[in-house]
């Protein structure tokens, strides 16, 4: 976990995050169901969650943090703003390509 840019007084602070997994990434939740509660140290970022769950970055096509898209560009599998800082109570959703989408080779019309 990176704690760069986090003040000394944040030592020992734990953030409670909800991670959600959709489409081809559902199997990475680590238990039955699509949602997983996790605790991470203050200063953690989205990239840390990707590492914790062992998500293959090339298969991550969409990441939503509290409902906002943090994947730059359009349909770029593996391009994620991994430095997006996490805050207590954040909900982070990971999705692989949606069937019949550009991620599976369908043209954009």
PDB file of N, CA and C in Angstrom:
ATOM      1  N   UNK A   1       0.839  -1.184   0.000  1.00  0.00           N
ATOM      2  CA  UNK A   1       0.000   0.000   0.000  1.00  0.00           C
ATOM      3  C   UNK A   1       0.881   1.242   0.000  1.00  0.00           C
ATOM      4  N   UNK A   2       0.553   2.161  -0.851  1.00  0.00           N
ATOM      5  CA  UNK A   2       1.329   3.396  -0.891  1.00  0.00           C
ATOM      6  C   UNK A   2       0.718   4.392   0.075  1.00  0.00           C
ATOM      7  N   UNK A   3       1.568   5.034   0.847  1.00  0.00           N
ATOM      8  CA  UNK A   3       1.113   6.077   1.756  1.00  0.00           C
ATOM      9  C   UNK A   3       1.745   7.410   1.395  1.00  0.00           C
ATOM     10  N   UNK A   4       2.235   7.519   0.152  1.00  0.00           N
ATOM     11  CA  UNK A   4       2.851   8.758  -0.295  1.00  0.00           C
ATOM     12  C   UNK A   4       1.835   9.887  -0.242  1.00  0.00           C
ATOM     13  N   UNK A   5       2.262  11.006   0.306  1.00  0.00           N
ATOM     14  CA  UNK A   5       1.384  12.171   0.354  1.00  0.00           C
ATOM     15  C   UNK A   5       0.397  12.154   1.501  1.00  0.00           C
ATOM     16  N   UNK A   6       0.500  11.156   2.387  1.00  0.00           N
ATOM     17  CA  UNK A   6      -0.390  11.082   3.539  1.00  0.00           C
ATOM     18  C   UNK A   6       0.387  11.542   4.752  1.00  0.00           C
ATOM     19  N   UNK A   7      -0.208  12.416   5.529  1.00  0.00           N
ATOM     20  CA  UNK A   7       0.472  12.976   6.690  1.00  0.00           C
ATOM     21  C   UNK A   7       0.786  11.950   7.769  1.00  0.00           C
ATOM     22  N   UNK A   8       1.737  12.297   8.620  1.00  0.00           N
ATOM     23  CA  UNK A   8       2.162  11.398   9.691  1.00  0.00           C
ATOM     24  C   UNK A   8       1.040  11.073  10.670  1.00  0.00           C
ATOM     25  N   UNK A   9       0.059  11.940  10.798  1.00  0.00           N
ATOM     26  CA  UNK A   9      -1.018  11.709  11.750  1.00  0.00           C
ATOM     27  C   UNK A   9      -2.079  10.734  11.229  1.00  0.00           C
ATOM     28  N   UNK A  10      -1.889  10.196  10.028  1.00  0.00           N
ATOM     29  CA  UNK A  10      -2.845   9.230   9.486  1.00  0.00           C
ATOM     30  C   UNK A  10      -2.416   7.794   9.768  1.00  0.00           C
ATOM     31  N   UNK A  11      -1.287   7.625  10.431  1.00  0.00           N
ATOM     32  CA  UNK A  11      -0.785   6.285  10.724  1.00  0.00           C
ATOM     33  C   UNK A  11      -1.827   5.502  11.538  1.00  0.00           C
ATOM     34  N   UNK A  12      -2.123   4.314  11.073  1.00  0.00           N
ATOM     35  CA  UNK A  12      -3.065   3.456  11.786  1.00  0.00           C
ATOM     36  C   UNK A  12      -4.522   3.663  11.397  1.00  0.00           C
ATOM     37  N   UNK A  13      -4.801   4.633  10.550  1.00  0.00           N
ATOM     38  CA  UNK A  13      -6.181   4.872  10.129  1.00  0.00           C
ATOM     39  C   UNK A  13      -6.556   3.873   9.041  1.00  0.00           C
ATOM     40  N   UNK A  14      -7.702   3.257   9.213  1.00  0.00           N
ATOM     41  CA  UNK A  14      -8.180   2.242   8.277  1.00  0.00           C
ATOM     42  C   UNK A  14      -9.400   2.788   7.529  1.00  0.00           C
ATOM     43  N   UNK A  15      -9.417   2.574   6.227  1.00  0.00           N
ATOM     44  CA  UNK A  15     -10.552   2.969   5.395  1.00  0.00           C
ATOM     45  C   UNK A  15     -11.398   1.740   5.087  1.00  0.00           C
ATOM     46  N   UNK A  16     -12.697   1.887   5.172  1.00  0.00           N
ATOM     47  CA  UNK A  16     -13.609   0.808   4.796  1.00  0.00           C
ATOM     48  C   UNK A  16     -14.124   1.101   3.398  1.00  0.00           C
ATOM     49  N   UNK A  17     -13.845   0.176   2.486  1.00  0.00           N
ATOM     50  CA  UNK A  17     -14.168   0.341   1.076  1.00  0.00           C
ATOM     51  C   UNK A  17     -15.067  -0.814   0.639  1.00  0.00           C
ATOM     52  N   UNK A  18     -15.990  -0.542  -0.263  1.00  0.00           N
ATOM     53  CA  UNK A  18     -16.773  -1.615  -0.877  1.00  0.00           C
ATOM     54  C   UNK A  18     -16.295  -1.775  -2.317  1.00  0.00           C
ATOM     55  N   UNK A  19     -15.875  -2.976  -2.661  1.00  0.00           N
ATOM     56  CA  UNK A  19     -15.455  -3.274  -4.033  1.00  0.00           C
ATOM     57  C   UNK A  19     -16.539  -4.121  -4.676  1.00  0.00           C
ATOM     58  N   UNK A  20     -16.854  -3.793  -5.923  1.00  0.00           N
ATOM     59  CA  UNK A  20     -17.874  -4.541  -6.674  1.00  0.00           C
ATOM     60  C   UNK A  20     -17.241  -5.033  -7.972  1.00  0.00           C
ATOM     61  N   UNK A  21     -17.660  -6.220  -8.391  1.00  0.00           N
ATOM     62  CA  UNK A  21     -17.053  -6.870  -9.552  1.00  0.00           C
ATOM     63  C   UNK A  21     -18.146  -7.287 -10.532  1.00  0.00           C
ATOM     64  N   UNK A  22     -17.963  -6.929 -11.802  1.00  0.00           N
ATOM     65  CA  UNK A  22     -18.970  -7.215 -12.806  1.00  0.00           C
ATOM     66  C   UNK A  22     -18.362  -7.886 -14.029  1.00  0.00           C
ATOM     67  N   UNK A  23     -19.229  -8.554 -14.783  1.00  0.00           N
ATOM     68  CA  UNK A  23     -18.882  -9.238 -16.024  1.00  0.00           C
ATOM     69  C   UNK A  23     -17.738 -10.218 -15.797  1.00  0.00           C
ATOM     70  N   UNK A  24     -16.726 -10.195 -16.630  1.00  0.00           N
ATOM     71  CA  UNK A  24     -15.663 -11.195 -16.540  1.00  0.00           C
ATOM     72  C   UNK A  24     -14.811 -11.051 -15.287  1.00  0.00           C
ATOM     73  N   UNK A  25     -14.947  -9.957 -14.543  1.00  0.00           N
ATOM     74  CA  UNK A  25     -14.151  -9.761 -13.330  1.00  0.00           C
ATOM     75  C   UNK A  25     -14.855 -10.261 -12.074  1.00  0.00           C
ATOM     76  N   UNK A  26     -16.080 -10.740 -12.204  1.00  0.00           N
ATOM     77  CA  UNK A  26     -16.846 -11.207 -11.036  1.00  0.00           C
ATOM     78  C   UNK A  26     -16.121 -12.307 -10.277  1.00  0.00           C
ATOM     79  N   UNK A  27     -15.374 -13.122 -10.965  1.00  0.00           N
ATOM     80  CA  UNK A  27     -14.680 -14.251 -10.327  1.00  0.00           C
ATOM     81  C   UNK A  27     -13.559 -13.802  -9.393  1.00  0.00           C
ATOM     82  N   UNK A  28     -13.165 -12.538  -9.446  1.00  0.00           N
ATOM     83  CA  UNK A  28     -12.076 -12.046  -8.609  1.00  0.00           C
ATOM     84  C   UNK A  28     -12.534 -11.500  -7.257  1.00  0.00           C
ATOM     85  N   UNK A  29     -13.820 -11.555  -6.968  1.00  0.00           N
ATOM     86  CA  UNK A  29     -14.298 -11.031  -5.682  1.00  0.00           C
ATOM     87  C   UNK A  29     -13.781 -11.863  -4.513  1.00  0.00           C
ATOM     88  N   UNK A  30     -13.442 -13.106  -4.767  1.00  0.00           N
ATOM     89  CA  UNK A  30     -12.859 -13.934  -3.716  1.00  0.00           C
ATOM     90  C   UNK A  30     -13.867 -14.645  -2.840  1.00  0.00           C
ATOM     91  N   UNK A  31     -15.141 -14.460  -3.101  1.00  0.00           N
ATOM     92  CA  UNK A  31     -16.187 -15.155  -2.351  1.00  0.00           C
ATOM     93  C   UNK A  31     -17.476 -15.077  -3.158  1.00  0.00           C
ATOM     94  N   UNK A  32     -18.497 -15.848  -2.771  1.00  0.00           N
ATOM     95  CA  UNK A  32     -19.763 -15.779  -3.507  1.00  0.00           C
ATOM     96  C   UNK A  32     -20.353 -14.364  -3.429  1.00  0.00           C
ATOM     97  N   UNK A  33     -20.857 -13.894  -4.521  1.00  0.00           N
ATOM     98  CA  UNK A  33     -21.442 -12.553  -4.563  1.00  0.00           C
ATOM     99  C   UNK A  33     -20.544 -11.579  -5.287  1.00  0.00           C
ATOM    100  N   UNK A  34     -21.117 -10.475  -5.671  1.00  0.00           N
ATOM    101  CA  UNK A  34     -20.392  -9.489  -6.465  1.00  0.00           C
ATOM    102  C   UNK A  34     -19.794  -8.354  -5.649  1.00  0.00           C
ATOM    103  N   UNK A  35     -20.171  -8.233  -4.381  1.00  0.00           N
ATOM    104  CA  UNK A  35     -19.696  -7.140  -3.532  1.00  0.00           C
ATOM    105  C   UNK A  35     -18.796  -7.683  -2.441  1.00  0.00           C
ATOM    106  N   UNK A  36     -17.815  -6.881  -2.102  1.00  0.00           N
ATOM    107  CA  UNK A  36     -16.866  -7.296  -1.068  1.00  0.00           C
ATOM    108  C   UNK A  36     -16.474  -6.082  -0.243  1.00  0.00           C
ATOM    109  N   UNK A  37     -16.591  -6.199   1.067  1.00  0.00           N
ATOM    110  CA  UNK A  37     -16.141  -5.142   1.974  1.00  0.00           C
ATOM    111  C   UNK A  37     -14.669  -5.400   2.278  1.00  0.00           C
ATOM    112  N   UNK A  38     -13.867  -4.346   2.254  1.00  0.00           N
ATOM    113  CA  UNK A  38     -12.438  -4.498   2.512  1.00  0.00           C
ATOM    114  C   UNK A  38     -11.946  -3.302   3.307  1.00  0.00           C
ATOM    115  N   UNK A  39     -10.962  -3.529   4.142  1.00  0.00           N
ATOM    116  CA  UNK A  39     -10.333  -2.453   4.895  1.00  0.00           C
ATOM    117  C   UNK A  39      -8.913  -2.280   4.380  1.00  0.00           C
ATOM    118  N   UNK A  40      -8.542  -1.022   4.121  1.00  0.00           N
ATOM    119  CA  UNK A  40      -7.211  -0.695   3.617  1.00  0.00           C
ATOM    120  C   UNK A  40      -6.673   0.486   4.420  1.00  0.00           C
ATOM    121  N   UNK A  41      -5.351   0.622   4.496  1.00  0.00           N
ATOM    122  CA  UNK A  41      -4.793   1.754   5.238  1.00  0.00           C
ATOM    123  C   UNK A  41      -5.007   3.086   4.513  1.00  0.00           C
ATOM    124  N   UNK A  42      -5.057   4.167   5.278  1.00  0.00           N
ATOM    125  CA  UNK A  42      -5.156   5.502   4.697  1.00  0.00           C
ATOM    126  C   UNK A  42      -4.010   5.701   3.721  1.00  0.00           C
ATOM    127  N   UNK A  43      -4.297   6.352   2.613  1.00  0.00           N
ATOM    128  CA  UNK A  43      -3.294   6.572   1.579  1.00  0.00           C
ATOM    129  C   UNK A  43      -3.356   5.558   0.460  1.00  0.00           C
ATOM    130  N   UNK A  44      -4.248   4.583   0.585  1.00  0.00           N
ATOM    131  CA  UNK A  44      -4.386   3.572  -0.470  1.00  0.00           C
ATOM    132  C   UNK A  44      -5.077   4.183  -1.686  1.00  0.00           C
ATOM    133  N   UNK A  45      -4.848   3.566  -2.830  1.00  0.00           N
ATOM    134  CA  UNK A  45      -5.443   4.052  -4.072  1.00  0.00           C
ATOM    135  C   UNK A  45      -6.057   2.887  -4.844  1.00  0.00           C
ATOM    136  N   UNK A  46      -6.717   3.196  -5.941  1.00  0.00           N
ATOM    137  CA  UNK A  46      -7.393   2.185  -6.746  1.00  0.00           C
ATOM    138  C   UNK A  46      -6.408   1.109  -7.214  1.00  0.00           C
ATOM    139  N   UNK A  47      -5.194   1.510  -7.556  1.00  0.00           N
ATOM    140  CA  UNK A  47      -4.182   0.546  -7.967  1.00  0.00           C
ATOM    141  C   UNK A  47      -3.893  -0.489  -6.891  1.00  0.00           C
ATOM    142  N   UNK A  48      -3.981  -0.081  -5.622  1.00  0.00           N
ATOM    143  CA  UNK A  48      -3.781  -1.028  -4.525  1.00  0.00           C
ATOM    144  C   UNK A  48      -4.889  -2.074  -4.507  1.00  0.00           C
ATOM    145  N   UNK A  49      -6.131  -1.656  -4.776  1.00  0.00           N
ATOM    146  CA  UNK A  49      -7.237  -2.616  -4.835  1.00  0.00           C
ATOM    147  C   UNK A  49      -7.027  -3.610  -5.981  1.00  0.00           C
ATOM    148  N   UNK A  50      -6.559  -3.110  -7.112  1.00  0.00           N
ATOM    149  CA  UNK A  50      -6.305  -3.987  -8.260  1.00  0.00           C
ATOM    150  C   UNK A  50      -5.297  -5.066  -7.882  1.00  0.00           C
ATOM    151  N   UNK A  51      -4.262  -4.670  -7.129  1.00  0.00           N
ATOM    152  CA  UNK A  51      -3.246  -5.629  -6.686  1.00  0.00           C
ATOM    153  C   UNK A  51      -3.802  -6.594  -5.635  1.00  0.00           C
ATOM    154  N   UNK A  52      -4.557  -6.082  -4.681  1.00  0.00           N
ATOM    155  CA  UNK A  52      -5.118  -6.920  -3.607  1.00  0.00           C
ATOM    156  C   UNK A  52      -5.972  -8.040  -4.192  1.00  0.00           C
ATOM    157  N   UNK A  53      -6.807  -7.713  -5.158  1.00  0.00           N
ATOM    158  CA  UNK A  53      -7.717  -8.707  -5.724  1.00  0.00           C
ATOM    159  C   UNK A  53      -7.104  -9.478  -6.888  1.00  0.00           C
ATOM    160  N   UNK A  54      -5.901  -9.116  -7.296  1.00  0.00           N
ATOM    161  CA  UNK A  54      -5.238  -9.828  -8.381  1.00  0.00           C
ATOM    162  C   UNK A  54      -5.921  -9.663  -9.721  1.00  0.00           C
ATOM    163  N   UNK A  55      -6.497  -8.477  -9.947  1.00  0.00           N
ATOM    164  CA  UNK A  55      -7.184  -8.226 -11.215  1.00  0.00           C
ATOM    165  C   UNK A  55      -6.161  -8.075 -12.339  1.00  0.00           C
ATOM    166  N   UNK A  56      -6.312  -8.815 -13.418  1.00  0.00           N
ATOM    167  CA  UNK A  56      -5.404  -8.631 -14.552  1.00  0.00           C
ATOM    168  C   UNK A  56      -5.734  -7.301 -15.227  1.00  0.00           C
ATOM    169  N   UNK A  57      -4.820  -6.358 -15.153  1.00  0.00           N
ATOM    170  CA  UNK A  57      -5.080  -4.996 -15.610  1.00  0.00           C
ATOM    171  C   UNK A  57      -5.548  -4.942 -17.064  1.00  0.00           C
ATOM    172  N   UNK A  58      -5.086  -5.867 -17.880  1.00  0.00           N
ATOM    173  CA  UNK A  58      -5.497  -5.853 -19.290  1.00  0.00           C
ATOM    174  C   UNK A  58      -6.970  -6.200 -19.467  1.00  0.00           C
ATOM    175  N   UNK A  59      -7.601  -6.792 -18.442  1.00  0.00           N
ATOM    176  CA  UNK A  59      -9.009  -7.169 -18.521  1.00  0.00           C
ATOM    177  C   UNK A  59      -9.937  -6.155 -17.858  1.00  0.00           C
ATOM    178  N   UNK A  60      -9.375  -5.115 -17.254  1.00  0.00           N
ATOM    179  CA  UNK A  60     -10.185  -4.087 -16.601  1.00  0.00           C
ATOM    180  C   UNK A  60     -10.548  -3.037 -17.642  1.00  0.00           C
ATOM    181  N   UNK A  61     -11.836  -2.957 -17.989  1.00  0.00           N
ATOM    182  CA  UNK A  61     -12.293  -2.024 -19.018  1.00  0.00           C
ATOM    183  C   UNK A  61     -13.032  -0.831 -18.440  1.00  0.00           C
ATOM    184  N   UNK A  62     -13.516  -0.942 -17.220  1.00  0.00           N
ATOM    185  CA  UNK A  62     -14.266   0.156 -16.626  1.00  0.00           C
ATOM    186  C   UNK A  62     -14.072   0.117 -15.113  1.00  0.00           C
ATOM    187  N   UNK A  63     -13.763   1.276 -14.540  1.00  0.00           N
ATOM    188  CA  UNK A  63     -13.683   1.405 -13.085  1.00  0.00           C
ATOM    189  C   UNK A  63     -14.512   2.626 -12.706  1.00  0.00           C
ATOM    190  N   UNK A  64     -15.460   2.399 -11.821  1.00  0.00           N
ATOM    191  CA  UNK A  64     -16.282   3.486 -11.297  1.00  0.00           C
ATOM    192  C   UNK A  64     -15.960   3.671  -9.828  1.00  0.00           C
ATOM    193  N   UNK A  65     -15.682   4.902  -9.443  1.00  0.00           N
ATOM    194  CA  UNK A  65     -15.476   5.214  -8.023  1.00  0.00           C
ATOM    195  C   UNK A  65     -16.616   6.116  -7.608  1.00  0.00           C
ATOM    196  N   UNK A  66     -17.475   5.603  -6.745  1.00  0.00           N
ATOM    197  CA  UNK A  66     -18.678   6.320  -6.312  1.00  0.00           C
ATOM    198  C   UNK A  66     -19.523   6.757  -7.506  1.00  0.00           C
ATOM    199  N   UNK A  67     -19.604   5.869  -8.501  1.00  0.00           N
ATOM    200  CA  UNK A  67     -20.439   6.114  -9.668  1.00  0.00           C
ATOM    201  C   UNK A  67     -19.798   6.945 -10.762  1.00  0.00           C
ATOM    202  N   UNK A  68     -18.571   7.404 -10.550  1.00  0.00           N
ATOM    203  CA  UNK A  68     -17.883   8.220 -11.566  1.00  0.00           C
ATOM    204  C   UNK A  68     -16.812   7.398 -12.255  1.00  0.00           C
ATOM    205  N   UNK A  69     -16.797   7.482 -13.565  1.00  0.00           N
ATOM    206  CA  UNK A  69     -15.844   6.729 -14.376  1.00  0.00           C
ATOM    207  C   UNK A  69     -14.433   7.284 -14.180  1.00  0.00           C
ATOM    208  N   UNK A  70     -13.499   6.427 -13.766  1.00  0.00           N
ATOM    209  CA  UNK A  70     -12.109   6.862 -13.620  1.00  0.00           C
ATOM    210  C   UNK A  70     -11.198   6.129 -14.608  1.00  0.00           C
ATOM    211  N   UNK A  71     -11.797   5.602 -15.671  1.00  0.00           N
ATOM    212  CA  UNK A  71     -11.008   5.000 -16.740  1.00  0.00           C
ATOM    213  C   UNK A  71     -10.939   6.015 -17.866  1.00  0.00           C
ATOM    214  N   UNK A  72      -9.749   6.554 -18.133  1.00  0.00           N
ATOM    215  CA  UNK A  72      -9.653   7.580 -19.174  1.00  0.00           C
ATOM    216  C   UNK A  72      -9.868   6.998 -20.556  1.00  0.00           C
ATOM    217  N   UNK A  73     -10.463   7.772 -21.420  1.00  0.00           N
ATOM    218  CA  UNK A  73     -10.639   7.343 -22.797  1.00  0.00           C
ATOM    219  C   UNK A  73     -11.837   6.442 -22.981  1.00  0.00           C
ATOM    220  N   UNK A  74     -11.951   5.912 -24.165  1.00  0.00           N
ATOM    221  CA  UNK A  74     -13.083   5.076 -24.542  1.00  0.00           C
ATOM    222  C   UNK A  74     -12.615   3.664 -24.812  1.00  0.00           C
ATOM    223  N   UNK A  75     -13.093   2.716 -24.047  1.00  0.00           N
ATOM    224  CA  UNK A  75     -12.841   1.289 -24.272  1.00  0.00           C
ATOM    225  C   UNK A  75     -11.358   0.963 -24.410  1.00  0.00           C
ATOM    226  N   UNK A  76     -10.582   1.377 -23.441  1.00  0.00           N
ATOM    227  CA  UNK A  76      -9.164   1.063 -23.453  1.00  0.00           C
ATOM    228  C   UNK A  76      -8.874   0.066 -22.347  1.00  0.00           C
ATOM    229  N   UNK A  77      -9.031  -1.194 -22.613  1.00  0.00           N
ATOM    230  CA  UNK A  77      -8.762  -2.205 -21.598  1.00  0.00           C
ATOM    231  C   UNK A  77      -7.362  -2.048 -21.041  1.00  0.00           C
ATOM    232  N   UNK A  78      -7.250  -2.018 -19.737  1.00  0.00           N
ATOM    233  CA  UNK A  78      -5.963  -1.903 -19.077  1.00  0.00           C
ATOM    234  C   UNK A  78      -5.518  -0.486 -18.797  1.00  0.00           C
ATOM    235  N   UNK A  79      -6.318   0.503 -19.178  1.00  0.00           N
ATOM    236  CA  UNK A  79      -5.966   1.897 -18.907  1.00  0.00           C
ATOM    237  C   UNK A  79      -6.870   2.377 -17.777  1.00  0.00           C
ATOM    238  N   UNK A  80      -6.298   2.498 -16.585  1.00  0.00           N
ATOM    239  CA  UNK A  80      -7.064   2.852 -15.396  1.00  0.00           C
ATOM    240  C   UNK A  80      -6.287   3.910 -14.618  1.00  0.00           C
ATOM    241  N   UNK A  81      -6.987   4.849 -14.022  1.00  0.00           N
ATOM    242  CA  UNK A  81      -6.344   5.827 -13.150  1.00  0.00           C
ATOM    243  C   UNK A  81      -6.053   5.147 -11.818  1.00  0.00           C
ATOM    244  N   UNK A  82      -4.939   4.423 -11.767  1.00  0.00           N
ATOM    245  CA  UNK A  82      -4.582   3.652 -10.579  1.00  0.00           C
ATOM    246  C   UNK A  82      -4.198   4.531  -9.395  1.00  0.00           C
ATOM    247  N   UNK A  83      -3.873   5.789  -9.645  1.00  0.00           N
ATOM    248  CA  UNK A  83      -3.457   6.698  -8.576  1.00  0.00           C
ATOM    249  C   UNK A  83      -4.629   7.397  -7.893  1.00  0.00           C
ATOM    250  N   UNK A  84      -5.851   7.096  -8.314  1.00  0.00           N
ATOM    251  CA  UNK A  84      -7.024   7.723  -7.710  1.00  0.00           C
ATOM    252  C   UNK A  84      -7.112   7.320  -6.239  1.00  0.00           C
ATOM    253  N   UNK A  85      -7.005   8.310  -5.360  1.00  0.00           N
ATOM    254  CA  UNK A  85      -6.979   8.058  -3.920  1.00  0.00           C
ATOM    255  C   UNK A  85      -8.327   7.561  -3.409  1.00  0.00           C
ATOM    256  N   UNK A  86      -8.262   6.677  -2.431  1.00  0.00           N
ATOM    257  CA  UNK A  86      -9.475   6.144  -1.804  1.00  0.00           C
ATOM    258  C   UNK A  86      -9.780   6.909  -0.525  1.00  0.00           C
ATOM    259  N   UNK A  87     -11.062   7.036  -0.239  1.00  0.00           N
ATOM    260  CA  UNK A  87     -11.522   7.646   0.998  1.00  0.00           C
ATOM    261  C   UNK A  87     -12.474   6.687   1.687  1.00  0.00           C
ATOM    262  N   UNK A  88     -12.621   6.858   2.985  1.00  0.00           N
ATOM    263  CA  UNK A  88     -13.501   5.985   3.756  1.00  0.00           C
ATOM    264  C   UNK A  88     -14.908   6.014   3.179  1.00  0.00           C
ATOM    265  N   UNK A  89     -15.481   4.831   2.956  1.00  0.00           N
ATOM    266  CA  UNK A  89     -16.844   4.712   2.450  1.00  0.00           C
ATOM    267  C   UNK A  89     -16.955   4.654   0.943  1.00  0.00           C
ATOM    268  N   UNK A  90     -15.834   4.760   0.230  1.00  0.00           N
ATOM    269  CA  UNK A  90     -15.886   4.702  -1.232  1.00  0.00           C
ATOM    270  C   UNK A  90     -16.433   3.362  -1.707  1.00  0.00           C
ATOM    271  N   UNK A  91     -17.126   3.405  -2.841  1.00  0.00           N
ATOM    272  CA  UNK A  91     -17.591   2.202  -3.535  1.00  0.00           C
ATOM    273  C   UNK A  91     -16.877   2.196  -4.881  1.00  0.00           C
ATOM    274  N   UNK A  92     -16.083   1.145  -5.117  1.00  0.00           N
ATOM    275  CA  UNK A  92     -15.310   1.047  -6.350  1.00  0.00           C
ATOM    276  C   UNK A  92     -15.795  -0.176  -7.119  1.00  0.00           C
ATOM    277  N   UNK A  93     -16.243   0.040  -8.338  1.00  0.00           N
ATOM    278  CA  UNK A  93     -16.765  -1.044  -9.173  1.00  0.00           C
ATOM    279  C   UNK A  93     -15.808  -1.304 -10.328  1.00  0.00           C
ATOM    280  N   UNK A  94     -15.491  -2.584 -10.521  1.00  0.00           N
ATOM    281  CA  UNK A  94     -14.606  -3.009 -11.603  1.00  0.00           C
ATOM    282  C   UNK A  94     -15.411  -3.846 -12.590  1.00  0.00           C
ATOM    283  N   UNK A  95     -15.214  -3.593 -13.878  1.00  0.00           N
ATOM    284  CA  UNK A  95     -15.911  -4.368 -14.895  1.00  0.00           C
ATOM    285  C   UNK A  95     -14.959  -4.730 -16.025  1.00  0.00           C
ATOM    286  N   UNK A  96     -15.107  -5.953 -16.491  1.00  0.00           N
ATOM    287  CA  UNK A  96     -14.425  -6.374 -17.701  1.00  0.00           C
ATOM    288  C   UNK A  96     -15.273  -5.945 -18.878  1.00  0.00           C
ATOM    289  N   UNK A  97     -14.891  -6.330 -20.077  1.00  0.00           N
ATOM    290  CA  UNK A  97     -15.694  -5.940 -21.234  1.00  0.00           C
ATOM    291  C   UNK A  97     -17.086  -6.550 -21.174  1.00  0.00           C
ATOM    292  N   UNK A  98     -18.044  -5.794 -21.641  1.00  0.00           N
ATOM    293  CA  UNK A  98     -19.431  -6.245 -21.686  1.00  0.00           C
ATOM    294  C   UNK A  98     -19.612  -7.050 -22.978  1.00  0.00           C
ATOM    295  N   UNK A  99     -20.282  -8.200 -22.911  1.00  0.00           N
ATOM    296  CA  UNK A  99     -20.508  -8.969 -24.149  1.00  0.00           C
ATOM    297  C   UNK A  99     -21.129  -8.100 -25.244  1.00  0.00           C
ATOM    298  N   UNK A 100     -20.700  -8.337 -26.462  1.00  0.00           N
ATOM    299  CA  UNK A 100     -21.140  -7.599 -27.653  1.00  0.00           C
ATOM    300  C   UNK A 100     -20.683  -6.147 -27.626  1.00  0.00           C
ATOM    301  N   UNK A 101     -19.625  -5.850 -26.883  1.00  0.00           N
ATOM    302  CA  UNK A 101     -19.098  -4.487 -26.844  1.00  0.00           C
ATOM    303  C   UNK A 101     -17.782  -4.418 -27.605  1.00  0.00           C
ATOM    304  N   UNK A 102     -17.233  -3.235 -27.659  1.00  0.00           N
ATOM    305  CA  UNK A 102     -15.953  -3.021 -28.319  1.00  0.00           C
ATOM    306  C   UNK A 102     -14.862  -3.878 -27.685  1.00  0.00           C
ATOM    307  N   UNK A 103     -14.940  -4.075 -26.369  1.00  0.00           N
ATOM    308  CA  UNK A 103     -13.947  -4.883 -25.674  1.00  0.00           C
ATOM    309  C   UNK A 103     -13.888  -6.321 -26.171  1.00  0.00           C
ATOM    310  N   UNK A 104     -14.963  -6.803 -26.726  1.00  0.00           N
ATOM    311  CA  UNK A 104     -15.008  -8.148 -27.282  1.00  0.00           C
ATOM    312  C   UNK A 104     -14.799  -8.121 -28.799  1.00  0.00           C
ATOM    313  N   UNK A 105     -14.465  -6.978 -29.345  1.00  0.00           N
ATOM    314  CA  UNK A 105     -14.167  -6.881 -30.758  1.00  0.00           C
ATOM    315  C   UNK A 105     -15.296  -6.351 -31.626  1.00  0.00           C
ATOM    316  N   UNK A 106     -16.435  -6.001 -31.033  1.00  0.00           N
ATOM    317  CA  UNK A 106     -17.544  -5.454 -31.814  1.00  0.00           C
ATOM    318  C   UNK A 106     -17.212  -4.013 -32.200  1.00  0.00           C
ATOM    319  N   UNK A 107     -17.503  -3.602 -33.402  1.00  0.00           N
ATOM    320  CA  UNK A 107     -17.201  -2.231 -33.824  1.00  0.00           C
ATOM    321  C   UNK A 107     -18.128  -1.233 -33.135  1.00  0.00           C
ATOM    322  N   UNK A 108     -17.621  -0.029 -32.940  1.00  0.00           N
ATOM    323  CA  UNK A 108     -18.454   1.044 -32.408  1.00  0.00           C
ATOM    324  C   UNK A 108     -19.248   1.625 -33.552  1.00  0.00           C
ATOM    325  N   UNK A 109     -20.556   1.667 -33.399  1.00  0.00           N
ATOM    326  CA  UNK A 109     -21.426   2.159 -34.482  1.00  0.00           C
ATOM    327  C   UNK A 109     -21.910   3.546 -34.127  1.00  0.00           C
TER     328      UNK A 109
END
